[in-house]
Amino acid sequence: MRVLVTGAGDYLGRRLLEALRQILPPDSRILGIERGPQPPLDGVTLLAVDPFDAASLAGAVAAFDPTIVFHLAALASVAQSSASPSYAWRADLLGTLNLAEAVARTRATLVFLSSTVVYGEAFRDRDRPDERVTPRPDTISGRTKNACEYILRDVLANAGVRHLVLRPSNYIGPGQSETFVVASLAGQIARIERGLAPPNLAVGDLSAGRDFFDVADFTGACLRVIERIDDLPDGGIFNVGSGVVTPVSEILDALLGMTGATVTLQVTPERLRPAGARREGCDPGAFAAATGWAPTIPLARSLATILAAARAGLG
């Protein structure tokens, strides 16, 4: 088996590569692609390729001749996409189109990492939509990912190449960027504990609810896709998440219960999103039925691990 992962230097990409090298048979080959050089990883070949350079990307894909491609390269957060809309569209669409054209010349199956953010306005009607709900994206991130789903369907179907779409909800874990809410709360608490920041905790809308699950469970879902790849439908779209919507206020209460620090909450305008659905989750039942996958890491354990990593990162 030959597995190619784009976005190899990103938070999720690195973790998937680490999981792949532990689970795949010894004769398997793993290639990680990223725009710039990456720290070495035993058992993985890492290659610097500009996704905007169609010829270089096509050459790298053809030389490796993958069995499965996991396309993870994209701007990871809604905030990042909103801050740089032109780059978000260029990075997501052009990078995906170039990869699709390269994979269309192979016999590989492409697995695309989309997101439940594609549902957008549909969350107002159902806070846990299943895959039958038509996406109505209301953010740049949601619109670019939804457009990429169409690109892959058109380009790969025309070439007779199989693909799948995974729409994960909010995966969390240690070391994640503080552009994400759980990492931000944990990082601030860790700095307040050390006296490195005043005891003022910047927060957004604490009543907002999201489907949080551990990044290790999501890499496990990707591994389950490999195991069941021949049984999954061409063009299949699957939500991946816990199926539970948890308010950010409960996340904060759990983290504060793990510290002796006294903090004052400060609602910060830049942390407030424009008006949208307050509860955003997903129904992961179809993926569970197709693969037998289910998350195994309790949210409380994930939060404890994240806070411990934030503390350790301060030295």
Protein backbone atom coordinates (compact mmCIF):
# COMPACT_ATOMS: atom_id res chain seq x y z
CA MET A 1 0.00 0.00 0.00
CA ARG A 2 1.21 3.49 -0.87
CA VAL A 3 -0.44 6.36 1.03
CA LEU A 4 0.06 10.01 0.11
CA VAL A 5 -0.92 12.80 2.51
CA THR A 6 -1.11 16.46 1.51
CA GLY A 7 -0.80 19.11 4.19
CA ALA A 8 1.88 17.00 5.83
CA GLY A 9 3.15 19.88 7.94
CA ASP A 10 -0.24 20.89 9.29
CA TYR A 11 -1.63 19.91 12.68
CA LEU A 12 -3.76 17.06 11.40
CA GLY A 13 -1.39 15.98 8.63
CA ARG A 14 1.51 15.30 10.96
CA ARG A 15 -0.67 13.26 13.29
CA LEU A 16 -2.11 11.20 10.47
CA LEU A 17 1.39 10.44 9.19
CA GLU A 18 2.44 9.30 12.67
CA ALA A 19 -0.64 7.08 12.93
CA LEU A 20 -0.08 5.61 9.45
CA ARG A 21 3.50 4.56 10.13
CA GLN A 22 2.36 2.70 13.26
CA ILE A 23 -0.54 0.81 11.68
CA LEU A 24 0.40 0.07 8.06
CA PRO A 25 2.21 -3.14 7.05
CA PRO A 26 6.04 -2.87 6.96
CA ASP A 27 6.15 -3.03 3.15
CA SER A 28 3.87 0.00 2.82
CA ARG A 29 5.17 3.38 1.69
CA ILE A 30 4.07 6.75 3.05
CA LEU A 31 4.65 10.11 1.35
CA GLY A 32 3.85 13.45 2.95
CA ILE A 33 3.66 16.57 0.76
CA GLU A 34 3.96 20.11 2.07
CA ARG A 35 4.90 23.46 0.53
CA GLY A 36 8.12 23.76 2.54
CA PRO A 37 10.64 21.44 4.20
CA GLN A 38 9.42 19.53 7.27
CA PRO A 39 11.14 17.90 10.27
CA PRO A 40 12.00 14.27 9.47
CA LEU A 41 9.68 11.47 10.51
CA ASP A 42 10.92 7.88 10.61
CA GLY A 43 9.20 5.65 8.09
CA VAL A 44 7.79 8.59 6.11
CA THR A 45 9.15 10.30 3.02
CA LEU A 46 8.55 14.05 3.19
CA LEU A 47 8.62 16.10 0.00
CA ALA A 48 8.41 19.87 -0.48
CA VAL A 49 6.02 20.56 -3.37
CA ASP A 50 4.18 23.77 -4.18
CA PRO A 51 0.51 22.80 -4.70
CA PHE A 52 0.12 25.80 -7.01
CA ASP A 53 2.75 24.31 -9.35
CA ALA A 54 0.61 21.85 -11.27
CA ALA A 55 3.51 20.25 -13.14
CA SER A 56 5.59 19.63 -10.01
CA LEU A 57 2.62 18.25 -8.13
CA ALA A 58 1.65 15.97 -11.00
CA GLY A 59 5.23 14.71 -11.25
CA ALA A 60 5.39 13.91 -7.53
CA VAL A 61 2.06 12.07 -7.60
CA ALA A 62 2.97 10.09 -10.72
CA ALA A 63 6.37 9.09 -9.34
CA PHE A 64 4.86 7.83 -6.09
CA ASP A 65 1.86 6.14 -7.79
CA PRO A 66 -0.32 6.16 -4.63
CA THR A 67 -2.96 3.66 -3.65
CA ILE A 68 -4.78 6.17 -1.43
CA VAL A 69 -4.46 9.96 -1.23
CA PHE A 70 -5.59 11.91 1.84
CA HIS A 71 -6.06 15.53 0.80
CA LEU A 72 -5.74 17.58 3.99
CA ALA A 73 -3.99 20.70 2.68
CA ALA A 74 -6.17 23.77 3.27
CA LEU A 75 -6.59 26.71 5.62
CA ALA A 76 -7.68 24.91 8.75
CA SER A 77 -9.91 27.38 10.58
CA VAL A 78 -12.87 29.58 9.80
CA ALA A 79 -10.96 32.53 11.28
CA GLN A 80 -7.94 32.01 9.01
CA SER A 81 -10.10 31.84 5.90
CA SER A 82 -12.07 34.93 6.90
CA ALA A 83 -8.87 36.90 7.51
CA SER A 84 -7.49 36.17 4.02
CA PRO A 85 -10.39 35.40 1.67
CA SER A 86 -8.47 35.71 -1.60
CA TYR A 87 -5.74 33.37 -0.42
CA ALA A 88 -8.31 30.96 1.05
CA TRP A 89 -10.02 30.59 -2.32
CA ARG A 90 -6.75 30.32 -4.20
CA ALA A 91 -5.20 27.83 -1.78
CA ASP A 92 -8.22 25.58 -1.43
CA LEU A 93 -9.53 25.59 -5.00
CA LEU A 94 -6.35 25.78 -7.03
CA GLY A 95 -4.52 23.30 -4.81
CA THR A 96 -7.46 20.89 -4.95
CA LEU A 97 -7.89 21.25 -8.72
CA ASN A 98 -4.19 20.60 -9.35
CA LEU A 99 -4.24 17.56 -7.08
CA ALA A 100 -7.45 16.22 -8.66
CA GLU A 101 -5.94 16.48 -12.14
CA ALA A 102 -2.79 14.70 -10.94
CA VAL A 103 -4.71 11.91 -9.18
CA ALA A 104 -6.99 11.52 -12.21
CA ARG A 105 -4.01 10.01 -14.04
CA THR A 106 -3.54 7.30 -11.39
CA ARG A 107 -5.49 4.34 -9.98
CA ALA A 108 -5.66 5.85 -6.51
CA THR A 109 -8.68 6.62 -4.32
CA LEU A 110 -8.72 10.21 -3.07
CA VAL A 111 -10.10 10.99 0.40
CA PHE A 112 -10.91 14.68 0.82
CA LEU A 113 -11.03 16.39 4.20
CA SER A 114 -14.00 18.73 4.01
CA SER A 115 -15.83 19.94 7.13
CA THR A 116 -19.26 20.19 8.69
CA VAL A 117 -18.92 23.98 8.24
CA VAL A 118 -20.32 23.39 4.74
CA TYR A 119 -23.81 23.05 6.28
CA GLY A 120 -23.81 26.71 7.35
CA GLU A 121 -27.33 28.12 7.35
CA ALA A 122 -28.72 24.57 7.46
CA PHE A 123 -27.68 24.42 11.14
CA ARG A 124 -30.54 26.81 11.88
CA ASP A 125 -32.97 24.06 10.94
CA ARG A 126 -31.06 21.09 12.37
CA ASP A 127 -28.12 21.31 14.77
CA ARG A 128 -27.06 17.75 13.92
CA PRO A 129 -27.54 17.43 10.14
CA ASP A 130 -26.87 14.20 8.33
CA GLU A 131 -25.43 13.91 4.83
CA ARG A 132 -28.87 14.19 3.20
CA VAL A 133 -29.06 17.85 4.28
CA THR A 134 -28.11 20.23 1.47
CA PRO A 135 -25.12 22.43 2.44
CA ARG A 136 -25.81 26.15 2.71
CA PRO A 137 -22.36 27.49 3.69
CA ASP A 138 -22.30 30.89 5.36
CA THR A 139 -18.54 31.32 5.82
CA ILE A 140 -15.60 31.52 3.41
CA SER A 141 -14.25 28.26 4.82
CA GLY A 142 -17.57 26.53 4.26
CA ARG A 143 -17.91 27.87 0.72
CA THR A 144 -14.39 26.90 -0.36
CA LYS A 145 -14.69 23.38 1.04
CA ASN A 146 -18.09 22.87 -0.55
CA ALA A 147 -16.68 24.08 -3.89
CA CYS A 148 -13.79 21.62 -3.56
CA GLU A 149 -16.28 18.78 -3.10
CA TYR A 150 -17.76 19.70 -6.49
CA ILE A 151 -14.31 19.95 -8.11
CA LEU A 152 -13.42 16.44 -7.03
CA ARG A 153 -16.77 15.02 -8.06
CA ASP A 154 -16.49 16.52 -11.55
CA VAL A 155 -12.80 15.92 -12.28
CA LEU A 156 -12.40 12.46 -10.76
CA ALA A 157 -15.75 11.03 -11.85
CA ASN A 158 -14.96 12.03 -15.42
CA ALA A 159 -11.64 10.18 -15.14
CA GLY A 160 -13.16 7.10 -13.51
CA VAL A 161 -11.15 7.63 -10.31
CA ARG A 162 -12.79 6.92 -6.93
CA HIS A 163 -13.05 9.47 -4.16
CA LEU A 164 -14.62 9.95 -0.73
CA VAL A 165 -15.46 13.08 1.27
CA LEU A 166 -15.11 13.24 5.06
CA ARG A 167 -16.84 16.09 6.87
CA PRO A 168 -15.40 16.18 10.40
CA SER A 169 -16.78 18.41 13.10
CA ASN A 170 -14.46 20.21 15.56
CA TYR A 171 -11.53 17.91 16.27
CA ILE A 172 -9.33 19.05 19.16
CA GLY A 173 -6.05 17.97 20.68
CA PRO A 174 -2.76 19.01 22.32
CA GLY A 175 -0.63 21.48 20.40
CA GLN A 176 -3.45 22.83 18.25
CA SER A 177 -3.26 26.48 17.17
CA GLU A 178 -4.89 29.00 19.47
CA THR A 179 -7.01 30.19 16.57
CA PHE A 180 -9.26 27.35 17.77
CA VAL A 181 -11.41 27.96 20.83
CA VAL A 182 -10.39 25.04 23.08
CA ALA A 183 -6.67 25.59 22.48
CA SER A 184 -7.12 29.32 23.12
CA LEU A 185 -8.86 28.79 26.45
CA ALA A 186 -6.27 26.24 27.60
CA GLY A 187 -3.35 28.41 26.50
CA GLN A 188 -4.68 31.46 28.31
CA ILE A 189 -5.28 29.50 31.50
CA ALA A 190 -1.76 28.06 31.41
CA ARG A 191 -0.22 31.52 31.03
CA ILE A 192 -2.38 32.96 33.82
CA GLU A 193 -1.31 30.12 36.14
CA ARG A 194 2.35 30.96 35.50
CA GLY A 195 1.84 34.67 36.03
CA LEU A 196 2.74 35.32 32.40
CA ALA A 197 -0.56 37.05 31.71
CA PRO A 198 -3.06 39.05 33.77
CA PRO A 199 -6.00 37.00 35.12
CA ASN A 200 -8.32 38.15 32.36
CA LEU A 201 -9.61 35.35 30.13
CA ALA A 202 -10.66 36.57 26.69
CA VAL A 203 -13.76 34.73 25.47
CA GLY A 204 -16.32 34.90 22.70
CA ASP A 205 -19.88 33.58 22.69
CA LEU A 206 -19.89 30.99 25.46
CA SER A 207 -23.40 29.87 24.60
CA ALA A 208 -22.30 28.63 21.16
CA GLY A 209 -22.30 24.84 20.90
CA ARG A 210 -20.08 22.64 18.76
CA ASP A 211 -19.39 18.93 18.27
CA PHE A 212 -15.93 18.50 19.83
CA PHE A 213 -14.01 15.22 19.52
CA ASP A 214 -10.39 14.17 19.89
CA VAL A 215 -7.97 14.44 16.97
CA ALA A 216 -6.72 10.93 17.76
CA ASP A 217 -10.24 9.64 17.17
CA PHE A 218 -10.29 11.41 13.82
CA THR A 219 -6.98 9.90 12.72
CA GLY A 220 -8.53 6.60 13.79
CA ALA A 221 -11.45 7.33 11.47
CA CYS A 222 -8.99 7.87 8.59
CA LEU A 223 -7.32 4.54 9.33
CA ARG A 224 -10.74 2.87 9.36
CA VAL A 225 -11.34 4.30 5.87
CA ILE A 226 -8.20 2.53 4.67
CA GLU A 227 -9.40 -0.75 6.17
CA ARG A 228 -12.86 -0.47 4.56
CA ILE A 229 -11.90 1.37 1.38
CA ASP A 230 -13.22 -1.32 -0.98
CA ASP A 231 -16.62 -1.34 0.75
CA LEU A 232 -17.20 2.43 0.74
CA PRO A 233 -19.17 3.99 -2.13
CA ASP A 234 -17.48 6.02 -4.82
CA GLY A 235 -18.28 9.67 -4.18
CA GLY A 236 -19.53 8.86 -0.68
CA ILE A 237 -19.87 11.75 1.78
CA PHE A 238 -19.60 11.06 5.50
CA ASN A 239 -19.91 13.20 8.61
CA VAL A 240 -17.38 12.34 11.32
CA GLY A 241 -17.86 13.49 14.89
CA SER A 242 -19.17 12.57 18.32
CA GLY A 243 -22.81 13.36 17.57
CA VAL A 244 -22.97 15.51 20.72
CA VAL A 245 -23.20 19.32 20.72
CA THR A 246 -21.37 20.83 23.72
CA PRO A 247 -21.65 24.53 24.65
CA VAL A 248 -18.34 26.38 24.89
CA SER A 249 -19.39 27.38 28.42
CA GLU A 250 -19.15 23.71 29.46
CA ILE A 251 -15.70 23.44 27.92
CA LEU A 252 -14.60 26.51 29.90
CA ASP A 253 -16.12 25.22 33.14
CA ALA A 254 -14.29 21.91 32.71
CA LEU A 255 -10.94 23.63 32.10
CA LEU A 256 -11.41 26.01 35.05
CA GLY A 257 -12.16 22.99 37.21
CA MET A 258 -8.64 21.76 36.45
CA THR A 259 -6.88 24.89 37.74
CA GLY A 260 -6.63 26.80 40.98
CA ALA A 261 -6.20 30.10 39.15
CA THR A 262 -8.77 32.82 39.63
CA VAL A 263 -9.81 34.44 36.36
CA THR A 264 -12.10 37.18 35.17
CA LEU A 265 -13.94 36.60 31.91
CA GLN A 266 -13.73 39.30 29.27
CA VAL A 267 -15.96 39.07 26.20
CA THR A 268 -13.77 40.24 23.33
CA PRO A 269 -15.41 41.56 20.14
CA GLU A 270 -12.89 39.95 17.80
CA ARG A 271 -13.73 36.55 19.27
CA LEU A 272 -17.40 36.95 18.42
CA ARG A 273 -18.46 35.53 15.06
CA PRO A 274 -21.04 37.29 12.88
CA ALA A 275 -24.59 36.15 13.56
CA GLY A 276 -25.00 32.51 12.64
CA ALA A 277 -26.27 29.24 14.02
CA ARG A 278 -25.49 28.92 17.71
CA ARG A 279 -25.37 25.11 17.72
CA GLU A 280 -23.38 23.23 15.07
CA GLY A 281 -22.93 19.48 15.24
CA CYS A 282 -23.47 16.51 12.97
CA ASP A 283 -25.06 13.10 12.75
CA PRO A 284 -22.15 10.63 12.19
CA GLY A 285 -24.45 7.60 11.97
CA ALA A 286 -23.78 6.81 8.31
CA PHE A 287 -20.01 6.66 8.83
CA ALA A 288 -20.43 4.50 11.94
CA ALA A 289 -22.68 2.10 10.04
CA ALA A 290 -20.32 1.90 7.05
CA THR A 291 -17.09 1.44 8.99
CA GLY A 292 -17.89 0.44 12.56
CA TRP A 293 -16.01 3.54 13.78
CA ALA A 294 -16.96 5.40 16.95
CA PRO A 295 -15.01 7.92 19.05
CA THR A 296 -13.40 6.36 22.11
CA ILE A 297 -11.75 9.28 23.94
CA PRO A 298 -13.98 11.09 26.48
CA LEU A 299 -14.13 14.86 26.11
CA ALA A 300 -12.92 15.36 29.69
CA ARG A 301 -9.76 13.37 28.93
CA SER A 302 -9.14 15.39 25.77
CA LEU A 303 -9.44 18.65 27.69
CA ALA A 304 -7.06 17.46 30.42
CA THR A 305 -4.50 16.46 27.79
CA ILE A 306 -4.82 19.81 26.00
CA LEU A 307 -4.34 21.81 29.20
CA ALA A 308 -1.36 19.66 30.24
CA ALA A 309 0.27 20.26 26.86
CA ALA A 310 -0.35 24.01 27.12
CA ARG A 311 1.36 24.03 30.52
CA ALA A 312 4.26 21.94 29.28
CA GLY A 313 4.70 24.25 26.31
CA LEU A 314 5.61 27.07 28.69
CA GLY A 315 8.69 25.14 29.87
